[in-house]
Amino acid sequence: MASDNTPGAPSLVDGGGRRVEYLRISVTDRCNLKCAYCMPAGGSHFTPDCDMVRFTDLLRLTRLFARLGVRKIRITGGEPLVRKGVTRFIHQAATIPGIERVALTTNGLSLGRMAAGLRKAGVTSVNISLDTLRRDRYATITGHDGLDNAMKGITSALEAGFDSVKINTVLMAGVNDDEIAAIARLTMTMPVQTRFIEFMPATAGVWNPSHFISAEEAKKRIEETFGPLAPVERERWSGPARIFRFPDAVGEVGFISSVSSHYCGACNRLRITSKGELLTCLFGAERLNLRALIMQGATDDDIIAAIRGALERKNHVRDFDAAGSRQVMSSIGG
């Protein structure tokens, strides 16, 4: 068998036979917003700076994952752009052999001044969280009057020339479902992909089943307003979204049915939290503390063996357990 640092190295495969090519890296649990569906009741208890994974360690881990077959990384938070030095880190990560695509998920508030630098650093695509087009509602959902900055961030991202700009909208019945059509309408004049994501029972203490609305219902409402959506062929890095387009539109509309029609069987992603823990499943209980291994002086081979062991135990579909959830999305990045 070829060694892990040779071109013929075996791919990273989990216990269910799924090939893993995608790693999400949370660089911080801090955020300049306090979205109700992300922060736990009572607020977040942030990781002390001394316990945050150093960028040098994240680069080491990224190199190891690239050796194992990871080809796409996504930089997340919290809000990743609040961490000092993140642009330099991204530039260094983007040059690691094997990494083909570097994506970023952000609330967009800092993109107005950072988009061009991030594109130059190697970010190929950006996802911007936007759950409403109403200024008052934005402040209610996020705890901050920042809609103007978020919209400026979207404009700046388009001007920076990323391969793709996506707008992520979490569907919440009774909160923002009356804006589904208005958000979808953005794609008629803007070259963006608006993606409607089902509200998930992820963060402890915030799940409310009365707020759930399916992606299929969102699609139905859009088509009732504008007419049929035409399916778009998925590209390699499109992820779990089902993609559609209006006739003559410049953008696309996507739907992510993470609850009503889960995509566990095709999951190809791993997550590193801001504390340096490896999650093989967003809803799984097992965490591999990679930061602890590094602090204990583990060799690259030691870390690779631990990663492979964790992946071998990922072999079935997880249940969504809202009551028992101990996740905090602000430290995982979704």
Protein backbone atom coordinates (compact mmCIF):
# COMPACT_ATOMS: atom_id res chain seq x y z
CA MET A 1 0.00 0.00 0.00
CA ALA A 2 1.26 3.47 -0.88
CA SER A 3 2.25 5.76 1.96
CA ASP A 4 -0.05 8.69 2.74
CA ASN A 5 2.28 11.31 1.25
CA THR A 6 2.53 9.78 -2.22
CA PRO A 7 0.30 10.57 -5.22
CA GLY A 8 -1.08 7.02 -5.09
CA ALA A 9 -2.14 7.25 -1.44
CA PRO A 10 -5.52 5.70 -0.64
CA SER A 11 -8.50 8.01 -0.24
CA LEU A 12 -9.99 8.77 3.15
CA VAL A 13 -13.00 6.47 3.42
CA ASP A 14 -15.37 6.16 6.37
CA GLY A 15 -16.96 3.04 7.84
CA GLY A 16 -19.90 3.35 5.47
CA GLY A 17 -17.68 3.36 2.38
CA ARG A 18 -18.12 7.08 1.73
CA ARG A 19 -15.14 8.91 0.28
CA VAL A 20 -14.31 12.03 2.33
CA GLU A 21 -12.97 15.03 0.39
CA TYR A 22 -14.39 17.97 2.32
CA LEU A 23 -13.18 19.48 5.62
CA ARG A 24 -14.89 22.35 7.44
CA ILE A 25 -12.57 24.29 9.77
CA SER A 26 -14.00 26.52 12.49
CA VAL A 27 -11.33 29.09 13.32
CA THR A 28 -13.26 30.78 16.15
CA ASP A 29 -16.45 30.50 18.18
CA ARG A 30 -16.74 34.29 18.39
CA CYS A 31 -19.29 36.15 16.30
CA ASN A 32 -20.40 39.74 15.93
CA LEU A 33 -24.03 38.58 15.68
CA LYS A 34 -26.24 36.64 18.07
CA CYS A 35 -28.57 34.72 15.79
CA ALA A 36 -31.35 33.02 17.74
CA TYR A 37 -30.97 29.64 15.99
CA CYS A 38 -27.19 29.53 16.48
CA MET A 39 -26.49 30.76 19.98
CA PRO A 40 -27.71 28.61 22.88
CA ALA A 41 -30.20 29.95 25.41
CA GLY A 42 -28.35 32.17 27.86
CA GLY A 43 -25.60 32.95 25.36
CA SER A 44 -22.36 31.21 24.48
CA HIS A 45 -19.47 30.43 26.79
CA PHE A 46 -16.55 31.28 24.54
CA THR A 47 -13.38 29.25 24.39
CA PRO A 48 -10.48 31.08 26.07
CA ASP A 49 -7.95 32.37 23.55
CA CYS A 50 -5.31 30.07 25.01
CA ASP A 51 -7.49 27.05 24.16
CA MET A 52 -8.17 28.12 20.57
CA VAL A 53 -6.36 26.10 17.94
CA ARG A 54 -3.31 27.94 16.66
CA PHE A 55 -3.18 28.67 12.95
CA THR A 56 0.12 26.80 12.73
CA ASP A 57 -1.61 23.68 14.09
CA LEU A 58 -4.58 24.11 11.76
CA LEU A 59 -2.17 24.33 8.83
CA ARG A 60 -0.47 21.13 9.98
CA LEU A 61 -3.84 19.37 10.23
CA THR A 62 -4.90 20.67 6.83
CA ARG A 63 -1.71 19.25 5.28
CA LEU A 64 -2.43 15.86 6.85
CA PHE A 65 -6.01 15.86 5.63
CA ALA A 66 -4.85 16.87 2.15
CA ARG A 67 -2.46 13.90 2.19
CA LEU A 68 -5.44 11.72 3.07
CA GLY A 69 -7.54 12.94 0.14
CA VAL A 70 -9.34 16.07 1.33
CA ARG A 71 -9.61 18.46 -1.62
CA LYS A 72 -12.00 21.14 -0.38
CA ILE A 73 -11.83 23.12 2.85
CA ARG A 74 -14.35 25.60 4.18
CA ILE A 75 -13.37 28.25 6.72
CA THR A 76 -16.15 28.88 9.23
CA GLY A 77 -16.71 30.22 12.75
CA GLY A 78 -18.57 31.60 14.67
CA GLU A 79 -17.76 34.41 12.31
CA PRO A 80 -14.34 33.58 10.82
CA LEU A 81 -13.54 37.14 9.77
CA VAL A 82 -13.40 38.35 13.38
CA ARG A 83 -10.27 36.30 14.05
CA LYS A 84 -7.10 38.30 13.57
CA GLY A 85 -4.81 36.91 10.88
CA VAL A 86 -7.46 34.82 9.14
CA THR A 87 -6.64 36.14 5.65
CA ARG A 88 -2.99 35.12 5.99
CA PHE A 89 -4.04 31.71 7.30
CA ILE A 90 -6.31 31.22 4.31
CA HIS A 91 -3.51 32.17 1.93
CA GLN A 92 -1.22 29.58 3.53
CA ALA A 93 -3.92 26.90 3.53
CA ALA A 94 -4.80 27.56 -0.10
CA THR A 95 -1.23 26.77 -1.19
CA ILE A 96 -1.13 23.33 0.47
CA PRO A 97 -0.62 20.63 -2.19
CA GLY A 98 -3.86 18.77 -2.84
CA ILE A 99 -6.23 21.54 -1.75
CA GLU A 100 -8.25 22.45 -4.82
CA ARG A 101 -10.97 24.64 -3.38
CA VAL A 102 -11.14 27.03 -0.43
CA ALA A 103 -14.58 28.24 0.59
CA LEU A 104 -15.69 30.66 3.29
CA THR A 105 -18.92 30.99 5.27
CA THR A 106 -19.55 34.43 6.74
CA ASN A 107 -22.32 36.76 7.84
CA GLY A 108 -20.93 39.27 5.37
CA LEU A 109 -20.57 42.21 7.75
CA SER A 110 -16.82 42.50 7.11
CA LEU A 111 -16.82 41.57 3.44
CA GLY A 112 -17.15 45.16 2.31
CA ARG A 113 -13.52 45.76 3.32
CA MET A 114 -12.13 42.20 3.11
CA ALA A 115 -13.60 40.58 -0.01
CA ALA A 116 -10.83 41.59 -2.42
CA GLY A 117 -8.09 40.46 -0.03
CA LEU A 118 -9.81 37.14 0.62
CA ARG A 119 -10.14 36.49 -3.11
CA LYS A 120 -6.46 37.26 -3.58
CA ALA A 121 -5.61 34.96 -0.66
CA GLY A 122 -7.22 32.02 -2.44
CA VAL A 123 -10.87 31.89 -1.41
CA THR A 124 -12.75 30.49 -4.40
CA SER A 125 -16.33 30.68 -3.12
CA VAL A 126 -18.19 32.46 -0.36
CA ASN A 127 -21.45 31.67 1.43
CA ILE A 128 -23.17 34.61 3.12
CA SER A 129 -25.81 34.12 5.79
CA LEU A 130 -28.90 36.26 5.21
CA ASP A 131 -32.25 35.29 6.74
CA THR A 132 -34.26 38.39 5.91
CA LEU A 133 -34.36 41.44 3.67
CA ARG A 134 -36.14 43.53 6.32
CA ARG A 135 -33.97 45.78 8.44
CA ASP A 136 -36.11 45.50 11.58
CA ARG A 137 -36.33 41.73 11.29
CA TYR A 138 -32.60 41.40 10.69
CA ALA A 139 -31.98 43.18 13.98
CA THR A 140 -34.48 40.92 15.76
CA ILE A 141 -32.98 37.69 14.40
CA THR A 142 -29.31 38.65 14.77
CA GLY A 143 -29.36 41.13 17.65
CA HIS A 144 -27.64 43.74 15.46
CA ASP A 145 -28.75 46.41 13.01
CA GLY A 146 -26.46 45.16 10.26
CA LEU A 147 -28.55 44.54 7.16
CA ASP A 148 -26.94 47.38 5.20
CA ASN A 149 -23.44 45.98 5.89
CA ALA A 150 -24.57 42.46 4.99
CA MET A 151 -25.97 43.64 1.65
CA LYS A 152 -22.78 45.62 1.01
CA GLY A 153 -20.87 42.42 1.73
CA ILE A 154 -22.82 40.59 -0.95
CA THR A 155 -22.12 43.34 -3.48
CA SER A 156 -18.43 43.39 -2.57
CA ALA A 157 -18.21 39.60 -2.94
CA LEU A 158 -19.66 39.82 -6.44
CA GLU A 159 -17.24 42.60 -7.35
CA ALA A 160 -14.29 40.58 -6.00
CA GLY A 161 -14.91 37.86 -8.59
CA PHE A 162 -15.35 34.70 -6.50
CA ASP A 163 -16.24 31.60 -8.50
CA SER A 164 -19.55 31.48 -6.66
CA VAL A 165 -21.47 33.63 -4.19
CA LYS A 166 -24.22 31.90 -2.26
CA ILE A 167 -26.78 33.35 0.13
CA ASN A 168 -27.78 30.99 2.94
CA THR A 169 -31.26 31.47 4.39
CA VAL A 170 -32.43 29.35 7.33
CA LEU A 171 -36.15 28.67 6.93
CA MET A 172 -38.17 29.50 10.04
CA ALA A 173 -41.95 29.32 10.00
CA GLY A 174 -43.52 32.37 11.59
CA VAL A 175 -40.18 34.19 11.49
CA ASN A 176 -39.10 34.68 7.88
CA ASP A 177 -41.18 32.31 5.74
CA ASP A 178 -43.17 35.27 4.38
CA GLU A 179 -39.96 36.42 2.63
CA ILE A 180 -39.19 33.21 0.75
CA ALA A 181 -40.34 34.58 -2.60
CA ALA A 182 -38.60 37.93 -2.10
CA ILE A 183 -35.27 36.27 -1.32
CA ALA A 184 -35.63 33.91 -4.30
CA ARG A 185 -36.33 36.94 -6.52
CA LEU A 186 -32.76 38.17 -5.94
CA THR A 187 -31.54 35.52 -8.38
CA MET A 188 -33.40 37.16 -11.25
CA THR A 189 -31.03 40.12 -11.26
CA MET A 190 -28.01 39.01 -9.19
CA PRO A 191 -25.58 36.19 -10.15
CA VAL A 192 -25.95 34.52 -6.75
CA GLN A 193 -27.35 31.22 -5.56
CA THR A 194 -29.91 31.66 -2.81
CA ARG A 195 -30.11 28.51 -0.71
CA PHE A 196 -33.02 27.75 1.60
CA ILE A 197 -31.90 25.55 4.48
CA GLU A 198 -34.23 23.68 6.81
CA PHE A 199 -34.05 24.69 10.47
CA MET A 200 -32.16 21.90 12.24
CA PRO A 201 -32.36 20.68 15.86
CA ALA A 202 -28.67 21.30 16.34
CA THR A 203 -27.96 23.87 19.05
CA ALA A 204 -29.08 22.84 22.51
CA GLY A 205 -32.01 24.82 23.88
CA VAL A 206 -33.08 26.64 20.70
CA TRP A 207 -34.93 23.97 18.69
CA ASN A 208 -38.64 24.65 18.32
CA PRO A 209 -40.55 22.27 16.02
CA SER A 210 -43.22 24.93 15.45
CA HIS A 211 -40.63 26.92 13.49
CA PHE A 212 -39.90 24.07 11.09
CA ILE A 213 -40.81 24.44 7.44
CA SER A 214 -39.59 22.04 4.79
CA ALA A 215 -37.51 22.97 1.79
CA GLU A 216 -40.14 21.36 -0.39
CA GLU A 217 -42.76 23.74 1.00
CA ALA A 218 -40.43 26.66 0.27
CA LYS A 219 -40.02 25.47 -3.32
CA LYS A 220 -43.80 25.13 -3.67
CA ARG A 221 -44.36 28.69 -2.48
CA ILE A 222 -41.74 30.06 -4.86
CA GLU A 223 -43.26 28.27 -7.84
CA GLU A 224 -46.75 29.44 -6.87
CA THR A 225 -45.43 33.01 -7.11
CA PHE A 226 -43.08 32.85 -10.10
CA GLY A 227 -43.87 29.66 -11.97
CA PRO A 228 -41.87 26.43 -12.42
CA LEU A 229 -38.20 26.23 -11.53
CA ALA A 230 -35.96 24.32 -13.91
CA PRO A 231 -33.44 21.89 -12.38
CA VAL A 232 -29.75 22.68 -12.81
CA GLU A 233 -27.10 20.00 -13.14
CA ARG A 234 -25.01 19.66 -9.99
CA GLU A 235 -21.32 20.45 -10.18
CA ARG A 236 -18.67 18.61 -8.18
CA TRP A 237 -18.61 20.97 -5.20
CA SER A 238 -22.33 21.79 -5.06
CA GLY A 239 -22.87 19.80 -1.85
CA PRO A 240 -26.29 18.56 -0.73
CA ALA A 241 -28.37 21.36 -2.28
CA ARG A 242 -30.87 20.68 -5.05
CA ILE A 243 -30.35 23.50 -7.54
CA PHE A 244 -32.90 25.20 -9.81
CA ARG A 245 -33.19 28.30 -11.94
CA PHE A 246 -35.92 30.63 -13.16
CA PRO A 247 -36.12 31.12 -16.95
CA ASP A 248 -33.77 33.93 -17.99
CA ALA A 249 -32.50 34.41 -14.40
CA VAL A 250 -28.82 35.18 -13.83
CA GLY A 251 -28.68 33.30 -10.53
CA GLU A 252 -29.89 30.02 -9.04
CA VAL A 253 -32.14 28.81 -6.25
CA GLY A 254 -31.08 25.93 -4.00
CA PHE A 255 -32.83 23.85 -1.35
CA ILE A 256 -31.14 21.89 1.45
CA SER A 257 -33.44 19.30 3.04
CA SER A 258 -31.22 18.45 5.98
CA VAL A 259 -34.13 17.31 8.16
CA SER A 260 -37.02 16.23 5.95
CA SER A 261 -34.82 14.29 3.53
CA HIS A 262 -31.37 13.90 5.09
CA TYR A 263 -28.31 13.27 2.94
CA CYS A 264 -26.32 11.13 5.39
CA GLY A 265 -25.81 8.41 2.80
CA ALA A 266 -23.82 10.78 0.59
CA CYS A 267 -22.07 12.78 3.33
CA ASN A 268 -18.44 13.52 2.39
CA ARG A 269 -17.53 16.04 5.08
CA LEU A 270 -15.68 16.32 8.35
CA ARG A 271 -15.52 19.20 10.83
CA ILE A 272 -12.82 20.62 13.06
CA THR A 273 -14.26 22.76 15.84
CA SER A 274 -12.68 25.93 17.17
CA LYS A 275 -11.38 23.81 20.08
CA GLY A 276 -9.61 21.44 17.70
CA GLU A 277 -12.05 18.55 17.97
CA LEU A 278 -12.78 16.40 14.92
CA LEU A 279 -16.47 15.71 14.32
CA THR A 280 -17.29 12.98 11.83
CA CYS A 281 -20.99 13.85 12.07
CA LEU A 282 -22.73 17.07 13.07
CA PHE A 283 -25.11 15.07 15.27
CA GLY A 284 -22.67 12.42 16.44
CA ALA A 285 -21.51 12.19 20.04
CA GLU A 286 -17.93 11.17 19.26
CA ARG A 287 -15.21 13.82 19.14
CA LEU A 288 -11.52 13.27 18.50
CA ASN A 289 -9.43 15.94 20.21
CA LEU A 290 -6.80 16.71 17.60
CA ARG A 291 -5.49 19.70 19.51
CA ALA A 292 -4.79 17.49 22.52
CA LEU A 293 -2.88 15.05 20.32
CA ILE A 294 -0.74 17.89 18.99
CA MET A 295 -0.10 19.26 22.49
CA GLN A 296 0.95 15.76 23.61
CA GLY A 297 3.57 15.62 20.86
CA ALA A 298 1.82 13.20 18.53
CA THR A 299 3.61 12.49 15.25
CA ASP A 300 1.92 12.93 11.88
CA ASP A 301 1.50 9.16 11.69
CA ASP A 302 -0.12 9.13 15.13
CA ILE A 303 -2.62 11.78 14.08
CA ILE A 304 -3.36 10.07 10.77
CA ALA A 305 -4.01 6.79 12.57
CA ALA A 306 -6.38 8.52 14.99
CA ILE A 307 -8.24 10.21 12.13
CA ARG A 308 -8.63 6.93 10.28
CA GLY A 309 -9.90 5.25 13.45
CA ALA A 310 -12.54 7.93 13.95
CA LEU A 311 -13.66 7.63 10.33
CA GLU A 312 -14.00 3.87 10.53
CA ARG A 313 -16.59 4.33 13.29
CA LYS A 314 -18.74 6.62 11.12
CA ASN A 315 -20.95 4.04 9.50
CA HIS A 316 -24.64 4.82 9.89
CA VAL A 317 -27.29 7.50 9.70
CA ARG A 318 -27.61 9.65 12.79
CA ASP A 319 -30.89 10.52 14.48
CA PHE A 320 -31.74 14.16 15.11
CA ASP A 321 -32.00 14.39 18.89
CA ALA A 322 -32.96 17.95 19.76
CA ALA A 323 -33.41 17.27 23.45
CA GLY A 324 -30.07 15.53 23.79
CA SER A 325 -28.07 17.83 21.54
CA ARG A 326 -24.87 19.18 23.09
CA GLN A 327 -23.72 21.00 19.99
CA VAL A 328 -23.22 24.74 19.83
CA MET A 329 -23.29 25.84 16.22
CA SER A 330 -21.23 28.94 16.91
CA SER A 331 -18.20 26.75 17.67
CA ILE A 332 -18.78 24.26 14.84
CA GLY A 333 -19.70 26.42 11.87
CA GLY A 334 -22.62 24.31 10.66
